[in-house]
Amino acid sequence: MSDHSEMVYSTSEGMDYPAHERQYKTFIKIGMIATGAVATVVVLMAIFLT
């Protein structure tokens, strides 16, 4: 049978947590900007296309 031991991520080599957190914050920021842009387009469409 295969060994189904629990993986331990905190001791894995090559895990750069500050880089992961930076990338996540950038992803959230881009998502917020994109959401704002879409909301702006929808509001402008509501104003000018009615």
PDB file of N, CA and C in Angstrom:
ATOM      1  N   MET A   1       0.836  -1.177   0.000  1.00  0.00           N
ATOM      2  CA  MET A   1       0.000   0.000   0.000  1.00  0.00           C
ATOM      3  C   MET A   1       0.887   1.249   0.000  1.00  0.00           C
ATOM      4  N   SER A   2       0.331   2.313  -0.542  1.00  0.00           N
ATOM      5  CA  SER A   2       1.100   3.553  -0.570  1.00  0.00           C
ATOM      6  C   SER A   2       0.972   4.274   0.771  1.00  0.00           C
ATOM      7  N   ASP A   3       1.960   5.077   1.048  1.00  0.00           N
ATOM      8  CA  ASP A   3       1.993   5.835   2.296  1.00  0.00           C
ATOM      9  C   ASP A   3       1.184   7.116   2.117  1.00  0.00           C
ATOM     10  N   HIS A   4       0.158   7.323   2.925  1.00  0.00           N
ATOM     11  CA  HIS A   4      -0.682   8.511   2.836  1.00  0.00           C
ATOM     12  C   HIS A   4      -0.399   9.442   4.005  1.00  0.00           C
ATOM     13  N   SER A   5       0.854   9.712   4.223  1.00  0.00           N
ATOM     14  CA  SER A   5       1.201  10.603   5.330  1.00  0.00           C
ATOM     15  C   SER A   5       0.820  12.039   4.978  1.00  0.00           C
ATOM     16  N   GLU A   6       0.689  12.850   5.990  1.00  0.00           N
ATOM     17  CA  GLU A   6       0.273  14.231   5.821  1.00  0.00           C
ATOM     18  C   GLU A   6       1.427  15.069   5.286  1.00  0.00           C
ATOM     19  N   MET A   7       1.130  15.930   4.304  1.00  0.00           N
ATOM     20  CA  MET A   7       2.161  16.803   3.740  1.00  0.00           C
ATOM     21  C   MET A   7       2.371  17.996   4.678  1.00  0.00           C
ATOM     22  N   VAL A   8       3.591  18.408   4.823  1.00  0.00           N
ATOM     23  CA  VAL A   8       3.921  19.557   5.655  1.00  0.00           C
ATOM     24  C   VAL A   8       4.470  20.630   4.740  1.00  0.00           C
ATOM     25  N   TYR A   9       3.656  21.667   4.523  1.00  0.00           N
ATOM     26  CA  TYR A   9       4.044  22.715   3.585  1.00  0.00           C
ATOM     27  C   TYR A   9       5.019  23.715   4.190  1.00  0.00           C
ATOM     28  N   SER A  10       4.965  23.894   5.481  1.00  0.00           N
ATOM     29  CA  SER A  10       5.800  24.917   6.101  1.00  0.00           C
ATOM     30  C   SER A  10       7.287  24.562   6.058  1.00  0.00           C
ATOM     31  N   THR A  11       7.603  23.307   5.856  1.00  0.00           N
ATOM     32  CA  THR A  11       9.009  22.917   5.799  1.00  0.00           C
ATOM     33  C   THR A  11       9.469  22.629   4.378  1.00  0.00           C
ATOM     34  N   SER A  12       8.607  22.864   3.393  1.00  0.00           N
ATOM     35  CA  SER A  12       8.984  22.599   2.009  1.00  0.00           C
ATOM     36  C   SER A  12      10.028  23.610   1.553  1.00  0.00           C
ATOM     37  N   GLU A  13      10.931  23.144   0.749  1.00  0.00           N
ATOM     38  CA  GLU A  13      11.941  24.038   0.199  1.00  0.00           C
ATOM     39  C   GLU A  13      11.344  24.844  -0.953  1.00  0.00           C
ATOM     40  N   GLY A  14      11.783  26.074  -1.085  1.00  0.00           N
ATOM     41  CA  GLY A  14      11.357  26.892  -2.209  1.00  0.00           C
ATOM     42  C   GLY A  14      10.054  27.631  -2.018  1.00  0.00           C
ATOM     43  N   MET A  15       9.485  27.632  -0.834  1.00  0.00           N
ATOM     44  CA  MET A  15       8.237  28.356  -0.606  1.00  0.00           C
ATOM     45  C   MET A  15       8.573  29.777  -0.185  1.00  0.00           C
ATOM     46  N   ASP A  16       8.302  30.724  -1.054  1.00  0.00           N
ATOM     47  CA  ASP A  16       8.611  32.131  -0.814  1.00  0.00           C
ATOM     48  C   ASP A  16       7.321  32.851  -0.411  1.00  0.00           C
ATOM     49  N   TYR A  17       6.988  32.815   0.868  1.00  0.00           N
ATOM     50  CA  TYR A  17       5.723  33.362   1.336  1.00  0.00           C
ATOM     51  C   TYR A  17       5.582  34.868   1.128  1.00  0.00           C
ATOM     52  N   PRO A  18       6.620  35.688   1.335  1.00  0.00           N
ATOM     53  CA  PRO A  18       6.454  37.121   1.042  1.00  0.00           C
ATOM     54  C   PRO A  18       6.097  37.380  -0.424  1.00  0.00           C
ATOM     55  N   ALA A  19       6.673  36.612  -1.337  1.00  0.00           N
ATOM     56  CA  ALA A  19       6.339  36.771  -2.753  1.00  0.00           C
ATOM     57  C   ALA A  19       4.900  36.341  -3.018  1.00  0.00           C
ATOM     58  N   HIS A  20       4.440  35.290  -2.353  1.00  0.00           N
ATOM     59  CA  HIS A  20       3.059  34.831  -2.528  1.00  0.00           C
ATOM     60  C   HIS A  20       2.089  35.897  -2.018  1.00  0.00           C
ATOM     61  N   GLU A  21       2.378  36.474  -0.872  1.00  0.00           N
ATOM     62  CA  GLU A  21       1.504  37.499  -0.315  1.00  0.00           C
ATOM     63  C   GLU A  21       1.485  38.741  -1.186  1.00  0.00           C
ATOM     64  N   ARG A  22       2.625  39.130  -1.734  1.00  0.00           N
ATOM     65  CA  ARG A  22       2.707  40.274  -2.634  1.00  0.00           C
ATOM     66  C   ARG A  22       1.862  40.018  -3.894  1.00  0.00           C
ATOM     67  N   GLN A  23       1.965  38.827  -4.448  1.00  0.00           N
ATOM     68  CA  GLN A  23       1.199  38.469  -5.642  1.00  0.00           C
ATOM     69  C   GLN A  23      -0.296  38.480  -5.353  1.00  0.00           C
ATOM     70  N   TYR A  24      -0.691  37.991  -4.181  1.00  0.00           N
ATOM     71  CA  TYR A  24      -2.102  37.981  -3.795  1.00  0.00           C
ATOM     72  C   TYR A  24      -2.635  39.405  -3.675  1.00  0.00           C
ATOM     73  N   LYS A  25      -1.863  40.286  -3.038  1.00  0.00           N
ATOM     74  CA  LYS A  25      -2.293  41.679  -2.889  1.00  0.00           C
ATOM     75  C   LYS A  25      -2.411  42.353  -4.250  1.00  0.00           C
ATOM     76  N   THR A  26      -1.501  42.056  -5.158  1.00  0.00           N
ATOM     77  CA  THR A  26      -1.573  42.603  -6.508  1.00  0.00           C
ATOM     78  C   THR A  26      -2.811  42.086  -7.231  1.00  0.00           C
ATOM     79  N   PHE A  27      -3.111  40.796  -7.085  1.00  0.00           N
ATOM     80  CA  PHE A  27      -4.289  40.198  -7.697  1.00  0.00           C
ATOM     81  C   PHE A  27      -5.560  40.876  -7.193  1.00  0.00           C
ATOM     82  N   ILE A  28      -5.648  41.106  -5.898  1.00  0.00           N
ATOM     83  CA  ILE A  28      -6.824  41.763  -5.311  1.00  0.00           C
ATOM     84  C   ILE A  28      -6.936  43.193  -5.828  1.00  0.00           C
ATOM     85  N   LYS A  29      -5.815  43.914  -5.903  1.00  0.00           N
ATOM     86  CA  LYS A  29      -5.829  45.294  -6.378  1.00  0.00           C
ATOM     87  C   LYS A  29      -6.315  45.367  -7.826  1.00  0.00           C
ATOM     88  N   ILE A  30      -5.814  44.474  -8.690  1.00  0.00           N
ATOM     89  CA  ILE A  30      -6.241  44.458 -10.088  1.00  0.00           C
ATOM     90  C   ILE A  30      -7.723  44.106 -10.181  1.00  0.00           C
ATOM     91  N   GLY A  31      -8.175  43.187  -9.338  1.00  0.00           N
ATOM     92  CA  GLY A  31      -9.592  42.837  -9.318  1.00  0.00           C
ATOM     93  C   GLY A  31     -10.469  44.013  -8.928  1.00  0.00           C
ATOM     94  N   MET A  32     -10.045  44.789  -7.961  1.00  0.00           N
ATOM     95  CA  MET A  32     -10.809  45.965  -7.538  1.00  0.00           C
ATOM     96  C   MET A  32     -10.844  47.019  -8.645  1.00  0.00           C
ATOM     97  N   ILE A  33      -9.722  47.235  -9.314  1.00  0.00           N
ATOM     98  CA  ILE A  33      -9.665  48.204 -10.409  1.00  0.00           C
ATOM     99  C   ILE A  33     -10.567  47.756 -11.557  1.00  0.00           C
ATOM    100  N   ALA A  34     -10.523  46.472 -11.893  1.00  0.00           N
ATOM    101  CA  ALA A  34     -11.372  45.948 -12.974  1.00  0.00           C
ATOM    102  C   ALA A  34     -12.849  46.065 -12.604  1.00  0.00           C
ATOM    103  N   THR A  35     -13.195  45.788 -11.364  1.00  0.00           N
ATOM    104  CA  THR A  35     -14.580  45.914 -10.916  1.00  0.00           C
ATOM    105  C   THR A  35     -15.045  47.361 -11.013  1.00  0.00           C
ATOM    106  N   GLY A  36     -14.204  48.285 -10.608  1.00  0.00           N
ATOM    107  CA  GLY A  36     -14.538  49.702 -10.712  1.00  0.00           C
ATOM    108  C   GLY A  36     -14.707  50.149 -12.150  1.00  0.00           C
ATOM    109  N   ALA A  37     -13.859  49.645 -13.040  1.00  0.00           N
ATOM    110  CA  ALA A  37     -13.965  49.999 -14.455  1.00  0.00           C
ATOM    111  C   ALA A  37     -15.261  49.474 -15.057  1.00  0.00           C
ATOM    112  N   VAL A  38     -15.616  48.251 -14.742  1.00  0.00           N
ATOM    113  CA  VAL A  38     -16.864  47.674 -15.253  1.00  0.00           C
ATOM    114  C   VAL A  38     -18.065  48.431 -14.701  1.00  0.00           C
ATOM    115  N   ALA A  39     -18.042  48.768 -13.423  1.00  0.00           N
ATOM    116  CA  ALA A  39     -19.144  49.525 -12.822  1.00  0.00           C
ATOM    117  C   ALA A  39     -19.277  50.902 -13.485  1.00  0.00           C
ATOM    118  N   THR A  40     -18.157  51.536 -13.777  1.00  0.00           N
ATOM    119  CA  THR A  40     -18.179  52.837 -14.444  1.00  0.00           C
ATOM    120  C   THR A  40     -18.792  52.721 -15.836  1.00  0.00           C
ATOM    121  N   VAL A  41     -18.405  51.701 -16.583  1.00  0.00           N
ATOM    122  CA  VAL A  41     -18.959  51.497 -17.920  1.00  0.00           C
ATOM    123  C   VAL A  41     -20.467  51.261 -17.841  1.00  0.00           C
ATOM    124  N   VAL A  42     -20.904  50.471 -16.887  1.00  0.00           N
ATOM    125  CA  VAL A  42     -22.337  50.192 -16.750  1.00  0.00           C
ATOM    126  C   VAL A  42     -23.101  51.465 -16.405  1.00  0.00           C
ATOM    127  N   VAL A  43     -22.563  52.271 -15.509  1.00  0.00           N
ATOM    128  CA  VAL A  43     -23.238  53.532 -15.143  1.00  0.00           C
ATOM    129  C   VAL A  43     -23.272  54.478 -16.343  1.00  0.00           C
ATOM    130  N   LEU A  44     -22.183  54.578 -17.071  1.00  0.00           N
ATOM    131  CA  LEU A  44     -22.169  55.460 -18.252  1.00  0.00           C
ATOM    132  C   LEU A  44     -23.146  54.957 -19.323  1.00  0.00           C
ATOM    133  N   MET A  45     -23.254  53.658 -19.472  1.00  0.00           N
ATOM    134  CA  MET A  45     -24.225  53.104 -20.423  1.00  0.00           C
ATOM    135  C   MET A  45     -25.640  53.436 -19.990  1.00  0.00           C
ATOM    136  N   ALA A  46     -25.899  53.365 -18.691  1.00  0.00           N
ATOM    137  CA  ALA A  46     -27.239  53.674 -18.180  1.00  0.00           C
ATOM    138  C   ALA A  46     -27.579  55.148 -18.417  1.00  0.00           C
ATOM    139  N   ILE A  47     -26.583  56.004 -18.308  1.00  0.00           N
ATOM    140  CA  ILE A  47     -26.817  57.448 -18.495  1.00  0.00           C
ATOM    141  C   ILE A  47     -27.022  57.786 -19.956  1.00  0.00           C
ATOM    142  N   PHE A  48     -26.131  57.313 -20.820  1.00  0.00           N
ATOM    143  CA  PHE A  48     -26.125  57.757 -22.208  1.00  0.00           C
ATOM    144  C   PHE A  48     -26.973  56.920 -23.152  1.00  0.00           C
ATOM    145  N   LEU A  49     -27.361  55.723 -22.772  1.00  0.00           N
ATOM    146  CA  LEU A  49     -28.118  54.869 -23.688  1.00  0.00           C
ATOM    147  C   LEU A  49     -29.599  54.777 -23.332  1.00  0.00           C
ATOM    148  N   THR A  50     -30.067  55.631 -22.429  1.00  0.00           N
ATOM    149  CA  THR A  50     -31.481  55.594 -22.085  1.00  0.00           C
ATOM    150  C   THR A  50     -32.238  56.721 -22.754  1.00  0.00           C
TER     151      THR A  50
END
